[in-house]
């Protein structure tokens, strides 16, 4: 929007598309507002606007708009409290002759969106927690908009193919306690609310099968991780061992965290007469990031398993699926697009991921801090290769 259009929105007062605040510090309030706009309960199909530094009368306060404030607002998209990730822009705009922070939030294609595990919506000019009827309305709208593979129904699977005890344990982390205490909905609605069941078809989504399935590989043959150790420096060397990790995705992710520790080979080195520190052949933090991301962001439409190969001088991780969406090799790693957003959100909810968009930087940091050569990331047409060199 241009400045004149934004000023017109300010003059109209708060509505389903507008919220104003004079506060610069209430990031909880900011998060709730962004969440509500992303849900677009009124189904306007248009972006909502949070004006920071504007009073109830629509008049800018004139308080300086700092870079720190803009970073705080932009950081709400990536810190994992708003799930699924909203599409939003943060700008400093000059409205009515005064600087104002403006957050533009587009309706999400896969609602309901949650902030701190609670669904927030706009009801006319006010923000409120969603009712069960509100959530059902959002779920029904989503069924026709879901685009990613993990959000689409697995037509061969049924509710009986899921381990519902796993889901019941998961929802304790995914949904706020006060919402759970008020929850009287059937299990189908609870699964659908978190995008693990397609309400229209009645089938679990691919994410539901991956996360809670009794046998995910029956429906998704590539849902496995193959780990191979070679004696030499290439795949023609003798094989020393092989393992395959299968099962629900949480079991696989936990197994990979354990594998990262096994492969790290810690060693104490003397830095001075009175000081020692631990270094690793492969820093476990780097291996965890690479292993988990290879599983979370892979292409599950491929029947090829994720492959981890350990050679004498390096570890290679080959994940099916190249860069996703409109991300080009020259954009990587400064731009991100999520192939499996539902799976990624679940991994964040259970603590396997700390925040979004940090996997590659954290890998580089762990290698540098360990005194290791830098990792190599190679996006290919239908695969993604990561090479972790061994520390000398």
Protein backbone atom coordinates (compact mmCIF):
# COMPACT_ATOMS: atom_id res chain seq x y z
CA UNK A 1 0.00 0.00 0.00
CA UNK A 2 1.12 3.56 -0.59
CA UNK A 3 1.20 6.12 2.20
CA UNK A 4 -2.14 7.67 1.25
CA UNK A 5 -3.92 4.28 1.43
CA UNK A 6 -2.35 3.54 4.81
CA UNK A 7 -3.40 6.93 6.13
CA UNK A 8 -6.96 6.17 5.00
CA UNK A 9 -6.90 2.91 6.97
CA UNK A 10 -5.69 4.80 10.04
CA UNK A 11 -8.55 7.29 9.71
CA UNK A 12 -11.16 4.49 9.54
CA UNK A 13 -10.27 3.16 12.98
CA UNK A 14 -9.65 -0.38 14.15
CA UNK A 15 -11.35 -3.15 12.19
CA UNK A 16 -10.84 -6.72 10.98
CA UNK A 17 -7.83 -5.38 9.05
CA UNK A 18 -6.42 -2.71 11.36
CA UNK A 19 -4.95 -2.63 14.86
CA UNK A 20 -3.15 0.31 16.46
CA UNK A 21 -0.89 0.45 19.50
CA UNK A 22 1.28 3.03 21.23
CA UNK A 23 3.36 0.32 22.94
CA UNK A 24 6.86 -0.50 21.69
CA UNK A 25 7.56 -3.34 24.11
CA UNK A 26 4.53 -5.65 24.29
CA UNK A 27 5.72 -8.33 21.88
CA UNK A 28 2.98 -10.64 23.19
CA UNK A 29 0.42 -8.14 21.92
CA UNK A 30 2.28 -7.84 18.61
CA UNK A 31 2.32 -11.62 18.20
CA UNK A 32 -1.38 -11.98 18.93
CA UNK A 33 -2.21 -9.25 16.40
CA UNK A 34 -0.08 -10.85 13.67
CA UNK A 35 -1.65 -14.24 14.40
CA UNK A 36 -5.16 -12.79 14.16
CA UNK A 37 -4.48 -11.09 10.83
CA UNK A 38 -2.95 -14.29 9.43
CA UNK A 39 -6.13 -16.19 10.32
CA UNK A 40 -8.35 -13.61 8.54
CA UNK A 41 -11.53 -14.93 10.18
CA UNK A 42 -13.62 -12.41 8.22
CA UNK A 43 -12.21 -13.98 5.02
CA UNK A 44 -11.36 -10.62 3.47
CA UNK A 45 -8.54 -12.16 1.47
CA UNK A 46 -6.62 -8.93 2.09
CA UNK A 47 -3.65 -8.15 4.35
CA UNK A 48 -4.11 -6.77 7.85
CA UNK A 49 -2.05 -3.93 9.31
CA UNK A 50 -0.57 -3.43 12.75
CA UNK A 51 0.41 0.20 13.29
CA UNK A 52 2.96 0.62 16.09
CA UNK A 53 3.37 4.13 17.46
CA UNK A 54 -0.25 5.21 16.84
CA UNK A 55 -2.82 6.09 19.51
CA UNK A 56 -6.48 5.04 19.72
CA UNK A 57 -7.55 8.10 17.75
CA UNK A 58 -5.32 7.11 14.83
CA UNK A 59 -2.75 9.82 15.49
CA UNK A 60 1.00 8.92 15.33
CA UNK A 61 2.73 9.64 18.62
CA UNK A 62 6.00 10.79 17.08
CA UNK A 63 8.07 8.42 19.21
CA UNK A 64 11.27 7.44 17.31
CA UNK A 65 11.00 4.19 15.34
CA UNK A 66 14.28 2.41 16.09
CA UNK A 67 16.03 -0.42 14.27
CA UNK A 68 15.67 -2.45 17.45
CA UNK A 69 11.87 -2.15 17.31
CA UNK A 70 11.79 -3.15 13.64
CA UNK A 71 14.03 -6.17 14.36
CA UNK A 72 11.75 -7.20 17.24
CA UNK A 73 8.70 -7.07 14.99
CA UNK A 74 10.40 -8.92 12.13
CA UNK A 75 11.80 -11.52 14.55
CA UNK A 76 8.29 -12.61 15.50
CA UNK A 77 8.07 -14.43 12.17
CA UNK A 78 11.07 -16.67 12.82
CA UNK A 79 11.17 -17.33 16.56
CA UNK A 80 8.67 -20.19 16.40
CA UNK A 81 5.92 -18.71 18.56
CA UNK A 82 3.69 -18.08 15.52
CA UNK A 83 2.88 -21.34 13.72
CA UNK A 84 2.56 -21.83 10.82
CA UNK A 85 4.93 -19.09 9.70
CA UNK A 86 3.06 -15.96 8.62
CA UNK A 87 3.73 -14.01 5.46
CA UNK A 88 4.46 -10.48 6.60
CA UNK A 89 6.43 -7.30 5.93
CA UNK A 90 7.81 -4.83 8.47
CA UNK A 91 8.56 -1.24 7.46
CA UNK A 92 9.08 2.24 8.86
CA UNK A 93 6.65 4.52 7.01
CA UNK A 94 6.05 8.25 7.23
CA UNK A 95 2.31 8.74 7.79
CA UNK A 96 0.71 12.12 8.44
CA UNK A 97 4.24 13.53 8.55
CA UNK A 98 5.40 11.22 11.36
CA UNK A 99 7.36 7.91 11.33
CA UNK A 100 5.31 4.81 12.19
CA UNK A 101 6.19 1.09 12.28
CA UNK A 102 3.84 -0.83 9.99
CA UNK A 103 3.46 -4.62 10.00
CA UNK A 104 1.63 -5.97 6.95
CA UNK A 105 0.29 -9.52 7.43
CA UNK A 106 -1.26 -11.61 4.64
CA UNK A 107 -3.98 -14.25 5.23
CA UNK A 108 -2.38 -17.65 5.66
CA UNK A 109 -3.23 -20.38 3.17
CA UNK A 110 -3.21 -23.03 5.89
CA UNK A 111 -5.06 -21.74 8.98
CA UNK A 112 -5.57 -21.91 11.90
CA UNK A 113 -2.44 -20.00 12.89
CA UNK A 114 -1.39 -20.04 16.57
CA UNK A 115 0.65 -17.71 18.73
CA UNK A 116 2.04 -19.36 21.85
CA UNK A 117 -0.23 -22.35 21.09
CA UNK A 118 -3.43 -20.22 21.03
CA UNK A 119 -5.49 -19.32 17.94
CA UNK A 120 -6.20 -15.57 17.80
CA UNK A 121 -8.72 -13.89 15.47
CA UNK A 122 -10.14 -10.45 14.73
CA UNK A 123 -13.80 -10.07 15.62
CA UNK A 124 -14.62 -6.72 14.06
CA UNK A 125 -12.45 -4.09 15.78
CA UNK A 126 -11.20 -6.34 18.58
CA UNK A 127 -8.81 -9.25 18.97
CA UNK A 128 -9.99 -12.43 20.69
CA UNK A 129 -9.18 -16.09 21.27
CA UNK A 130 -10.86 -18.25 18.66
CA UNK A 131 -13.89 -20.29 19.65
CA UNK A 132 -14.32 -23.90 18.55
CA UNK A 133 -16.68 -22.64 15.83
CA UNK A 134 -14.04 -20.15 14.67
CA UNK A 135 -11.41 -22.89 14.42
CA UNK A 136 -13.76 -25.15 12.49
CA UNK A 137 -14.43 -22.34 10.02
CA UNK A 138 -10.70 -21.82 9.54
CA UNK A 139 -10.10 -25.57 9.08
CA UNK A 140 -12.80 -25.84 6.44
CA UNK A 141 -11.31 -22.93 4.53
CA UNK A 142 -7.85 -24.48 4.70
CA UNK A 143 -8.87 -27.81 3.16
CA UNK A 144 -9.30 -26.15 -0.23
CA UNK A 145 -6.09 -24.12 0.04
CA UNK A 146 -3.51 -26.64 1.28
CA UNK A 147 -0.67 -26.80 -1.22
CA UNK A 148 2.32 -28.44 0.40
CA UNK A 149 2.60 -32.21 0.25
CA UNK A 150 2.65 -32.69 4.02
CA UNK A 151 -0.66 -30.78 4.39
CA UNK A 152 -2.48 -32.83 1.76
CA UNK A 153 -4.43 -35.97 2.68
CA UNK A 154 -2.83 -39.41 2.42
CA UNK A 155 -5.75 -41.07 0.66
CA UNK A 156 -4.59 -44.63 1.46
CA UNK A 157 -4.40 -44.00 5.22
CA UNK A 158 -7.18 -44.01 7.82
CA UNK A 159 -7.46 -42.79 11.40
CA UNK A 160 -6.71 -46.32 12.60
CA UNK A 161 -3.26 -46.12 11.00
CA UNK A 162 -2.20 -43.49 13.54
CA UNK A 163 -0.91 -44.03 17.08
CA UNK A 164 -3.26 -41.62 18.82
CA UNK A 165 -1.33 -41.83 22.09
CA UNK A 166 1.58 -40.13 20.28
CA UNK A 167 -0.72 -37.33 19.17
CA UNK A 168 -2.18 -36.92 22.65
CA UNK A 169 1.35 -36.49 24.02
CA UNK A 170 2.23 -34.05 21.25
CA UNK A 171 -0.78 -31.79 21.76
CA UNK A 172 0.33 -31.07 25.35
CA UNK A 173 3.15 -29.03 23.79
CA UNK A 174 1.25 -27.76 20.73
CA UNK A 175 -1.86 -26.36 22.42
CA UNK A 176 -2.01 -24.00 25.40
CA UNK A 177 -3.15 -25.63 28.66
CA UNK A 178 -6.16 -23.34 29.09
CA UNK A 179 -7.34 -24.29 25.60
CA UNK A 180 -6.88 -28.00 26.34
CA UNK A 181 -8.84 -27.65 29.57
CA UNK A 182 -11.78 -26.25 27.60
CA UNK A 183 -11.44 -28.75 24.76
CA UNK A 184 -14.46 -30.99 24.24
CA UNK A 185 -13.95 -31.64 20.55
CA UNK A 186 -13.70 -35.09 18.98
CA UNK A 187 -10.23 -36.40 18.16
CA UNK A 188 -10.83 -35.79 14.45
CA UNK A 189 -11.29 -32.06 15.02
CA UNK A 190 -8.22 -31.92 17.25
CA UNK A 191 -6.07 -33.59 14.59
CA UNK A 192 -7.52 -31.38 11.86
CA UNK A 193 -6.87 -28.22 13.87
CA UNK A 194 -3.14 -28.99 13.81
CA UNK A 195 -3.19 -30.07 10.14
CA UNK A 196 -2.76 -33.79 10.79
CA UNK A 197 -6.18 -34.74 9.37
CA UNK A 198 -8.01 -33.48 6.30
CA UNK A 199 -11.55 -32.92 7.54
CA UNK A 200 -13.13 -32.90 4.08
CA UNK A 201 -11.80 -36.31 3.00
CA UNK A 202 -11.53 -37.83 6.48
CA UNK A 203 -7.99 -39.07 5.80
CA UNK A 204 -4.85 -38.24 7.79
CA UNK A 205 -2.49 -35.81 6.09
CA UNK A 206 0.97 -36.94 5.06
CA UNK A 207 2.31 -35.02 8.07
CA UNK A 208 -0.02 -36.98 10.34
CA UNK A 209 1.22 -40.26 8.86
CA UNK A 210 4.87 -39.24 9.20
CA UNK A 211 4.55 -38.02 12.78
CA UNK A 212 2.09 -40.48 14.31
CA UNK A 213 1.82 -43.37 11.83
CA UNK A 214 2.14 -46.97 12.98
CA UNK A 215 4.16 -47.68 9.82
CA UNK A 216 4.89 -44.51 7.83
CA UNK A 217 6.95 -46.40 5.21
CA UNK A 218 3.88 -48.39 4.18
CA UNK A 219 2.42 -45.17 2.78
CA UNK A 220 5.64 -43.20 2.17
CA UNK A 221 8.40 -45.66 1.17
CA UNK A 222 11.12 -43.00 1.35
CA UNK A 223 10.43 -42.24 5.02
CA UNK A 224 13.69 -43.76 6.29
CA UNK A 225 17.31 -42.80 6.94
CA UNK A 226 20.10 -45.10 5.74
CA UNK A 227 23.46 -44.74 7.51
CA UNK A 228 26.54 -46.37 5.97
CA UNK A 229 30.16 -46.36 7.21
CA UNK A 230 32.99 -46.89 4.68
CA UNK A 231 36.58 -47.87 5.39
CA UNK A 232 38.04 -45.50 2.80
CA UNK A 233 37.31 -42.19 1.15
CA UNK A 234 34.75 -43.18 -1.48
CA UNK A 235 31.70 -45.40 -1.92
CA UNK A 236 33.86 -48.05 -3.57
CA UNK A 237 35.59 -48.76 -0.25
CA UNK A 238 34.67 -51.66 2.01
CA UNK A 239 31.48 -51.17 4.03
CA UNK A 240 32.13 -51.35 7.76
CA UNK A 241 28.52 -51.07 8.90
CA UNK A 242 25.01 -50.05 7.96
CA UNK A 243 21.90 -49.01 9.86
CA UNK A 244 18.41 -47.96 8.83
CA UNK A 245 16.27 -45.65 10.99
CA UNK A 246 12.52 -45.97 10.51
CA UNK A 247 9.30 -45.42 12.43
CA UNK A 248 7.40 -42.28 13.40
CA UNK A 249 9.32 -39.10 12.72
CA UNK A 250 9.93 -38.24 16.37
CA UNK A 251 11.62 -41.60 16.92
CA UNK A 252 13.76 -41.06 13.82
CA UNK A 253 14.75 -37.52 14.86
CA UNK A 254 15.68 -38.69 18.35
CA UNK A 255 17.77 -41.53 16.89
CA UNK A 256 19.63 -39.05 14.68
CA UNK A 257 20.45 -36.84 17.67
CA UNK A 258 21.96 -39.90 19.35
CA UNK A 259 23.88 -40.75 16.16
CA UNK A 260 25.31 -37.23 16.03
CA UNK A 261 26.78 -37.74 19.51
CA UNK A 262 28.16 -41.16 18.55
CA UNK A 263 29.98 -39.75 15.52
CA UNK A 264 31.40 -36.66 17.21
CA UNK A 265 34.57 -38.33 18.67
CA UNK A 266 35.31 -35.82 21.47
CA UNK A 267 38.93 -35.25 22.49
CA UNK A 268 40.53 -33.06 25.17
CA UNK A 269 43.32 -30.79 23.95
CA UNK A 270 45.63 -28.66 26.12
CA UNK A 271 45.37 -24.94 25.44
CA UNK A 272 47.69 -23.96 28.27
CA UNK A 273 49.22 -25.49 31.39
CA UNK A 274 46.00 -24.94 33.33
CA UNK A 275 43.38 -25.10 30.61
CA UNK A 276 41.94 -27.80 28.40
CA UNK A 277 39.03 -27.81 25.99
CA UNK A 278 37.06 -30.42 24.09
CA UNK A 279 37.24 -30.59 20.32
CA UNK A 280 35.48 -33.01 18.02
CA UNK A 281 36.21 -34.85 14.82
CA UNK A 282 32.70 -33.72 13.92
CA UNK A 283 31.00 -31.16 16.21
CA UNK A 284 27.72 -32.73 17.36
CA UNK A 285 25.82 -29.45 17.02
CA UNK A 286 26.69 -29.29 13.31
CA UNK A 287 25.75 -32.93 12.74
CA UNK A 288 22.42 -32.48 14.55
CA UNK A 289 21.50 -29.50 12.41
CA UNK A 290 22.38 -31.25 9.16
CA UNK A 291 20.81 -34.62 10.07
CA UNK A 292 17.54 -33.15 11.35
CA UNK A 293 17.14 -30.69 8.50
CA UNK A 294 17.78 -33.43 5.95
CA UNK A 295 14.79 -35.33 7.36
CA UNK A 296 12.47 -32.40 8.07
CA UNK A 297 12.88 -30.65 4.71
CA UNK A 298 13.27 -33.60 2.34
CA UNK A 299 10.89 -34.53 -0.47
CA UNK A 300 8.63 -37.30 0.86
CA UNK A 301 7.10 -37.90 -2.56
CA UNK A 302 10.42 -39.55 -3.45
CA UNK A 303 10.86 -43.25 -2.60
CA UNK A 304 14.56 -42.68 -1.91
CA UNK A 305 15.65 -42.71 1.74
CA UNK A 306 17.74 -39.94 3.27
CA UNK A 307 21.36 -41.13 3.04
CA UNK A 308 24.13 -40.49 5.59
CA UNK A 309 27.58 -41.76 4.52
CA UNK A 310 30.63 -41.69 6.77
CA UNK A 311 34.02 -41.79 5.05
CA UNK A 312 37.52 -41.53 6.54
CA UNK A 313 37.72 -37.78 5.97
CA UNK A 314 34.12 -36.56 5.90
CA UNK A 315 30.42 -37.22 6.44
CA UNK A 316 28.06 -36.74 3.52
CA UNK A 317 24.30 -36.26 3.89
CA UNK A 318 22.17 -36.61 0.77
CA UNK A 319 18.53 -35.57 1.07
CA UNK A 320 15.94 -36.15 -1.69
CA UNK A 321 14.57 -32.89 -3.06
CA UNK A 322 16.46 -29.79 -4.17
CA UNK A 323 15.66 -26.24 -3.18
CA UNK A 324 11.94 -25.72 -2.75
CA UNK A 325 9.61 -23.23 -4.37
CA UNK A 326 11.12 -20.27 -6.17
CA UNK A 327 14.41 -20.33 -4.23
CA UNK A 328 17.37 -20.39 -6.62
CA UNK A 329 20.87 -21.75 -5.84
CA UNK A 330 22.23 -18.20 -5.82
CA UNK A 331 19.61 -17.25 -3.20
CA UNK A 332 20.76 -19.96 -0.76
CA UNK A 333 21.15 -19.68 2.23
CA UNK A 334 19.83 -16.12 2.51
CA UNK A 335 16.30 -17.07 1.41
CA UNK A 336 14.15 -19.93 2.67
CA UNK A 337 11.01 -21.74 1.59
CA UNK A 338 9.54 -24.65 3.52
CA UNK A 339 8.66 -27.83 1.64
CA UNK A 340 7.09 -29.43 4.74
CA UNK A 341 5.87 -26.57 6.97
CA UNK A 342 3.60 -28.81 9.10
CA UNK A 343 6.46 -31.19 9.82
CA UNK A 344 8.83 -28.28 10.52
CA UNK A 345 6.35 -26.77 12.98
CA UNK A 346 6.01 -30.09 14.81
CA UNK A 347 9.79 -30.39 15.09
CA UNK A 348 9.93 -26.87 16.52
CA UNK A 349 7.08 -27.59 18.95
CA UNK A 350 8.93 -30.57 20.42
CA UNK A 351 12.28 -28.79 20.65
CA UNK A 352 14.19 -30.48 17.83
CA UNK A 353 14.50 -27.05 16.16
CA UNK A 354 15.32 -23.89 18.14
CA UNK A 355 14.10 -21.32 15.62
CA UNK A 356 13.42 -21.20 11.92
CA UNK A 357 16.03 -20.23 9.32
CA UNK A 358 19.00 -20.89 11.64
CA UNK A 359 20.13 -24.36 10.53
CA UNK A 360 22.82 -23.31 8.06
CA UNK A 361 24.27 -20.45 10.19
CA UNK A 362 24.37 -22.72 13.26
CA UNK A 363 26.24 -25.38 11.26
CA UNK A 364 28.87 -22.86 10.15
CA UNK A 365 29.21 -21.52 13.71
CA UNK A 366 29.67 -24.99 15.21
CA UNK A 367 32.34 -25.91 12.64
CA UNK A 368 34.20 -22.62 13.14
CA UNK A 369 34.11 -22.87 16.95
CA UNK A 370 35.50 -26.40 16.69
CA UNK A 371 38.41 -25.32 14.45
CA UNK A 372 37.02 -27.46 11.62
CA UNK A 373 36.99 -26.69 7.90
CA UNK A 374 33.75 -25.13 6.75
CA UNK A 375 30.81 -27.31 5.70
CA UNK A 376 29.85 -27.58 2.04
CA UNK A 377 26.22 -27.16 0.92
CA UNK A 378 25.40 -28.21 -2.62
CA UNK A 379 21.81 -27.74 -3.83
CA UNK A 380 21.15 -30.00 -6.83
CA UNK A 381 18.21 -30.43 -9.16
CA UNK A 382 16.46 -33.19 -7.17
CA UNK A 383 18.82 -33.66 -4.21
CA UNK A 384 20.57 -31.64 -1.56
CA UNK A 385 24.11 -32.63 -0.56
CA UNK A 386 25.88 -31.50 2.61
CA UNK A 387 29.51 -32.40 3.33
CA UNK A 388 30.93 -32.11 6.86
CA UNK A 389 34.75 -32.41 6.75
CA UNK A 390 36.57 -34.19 9.56
CA UNK A 391 38.70 -32.00 11.83
CA UNK A 392 42.39 -32.79 11.37
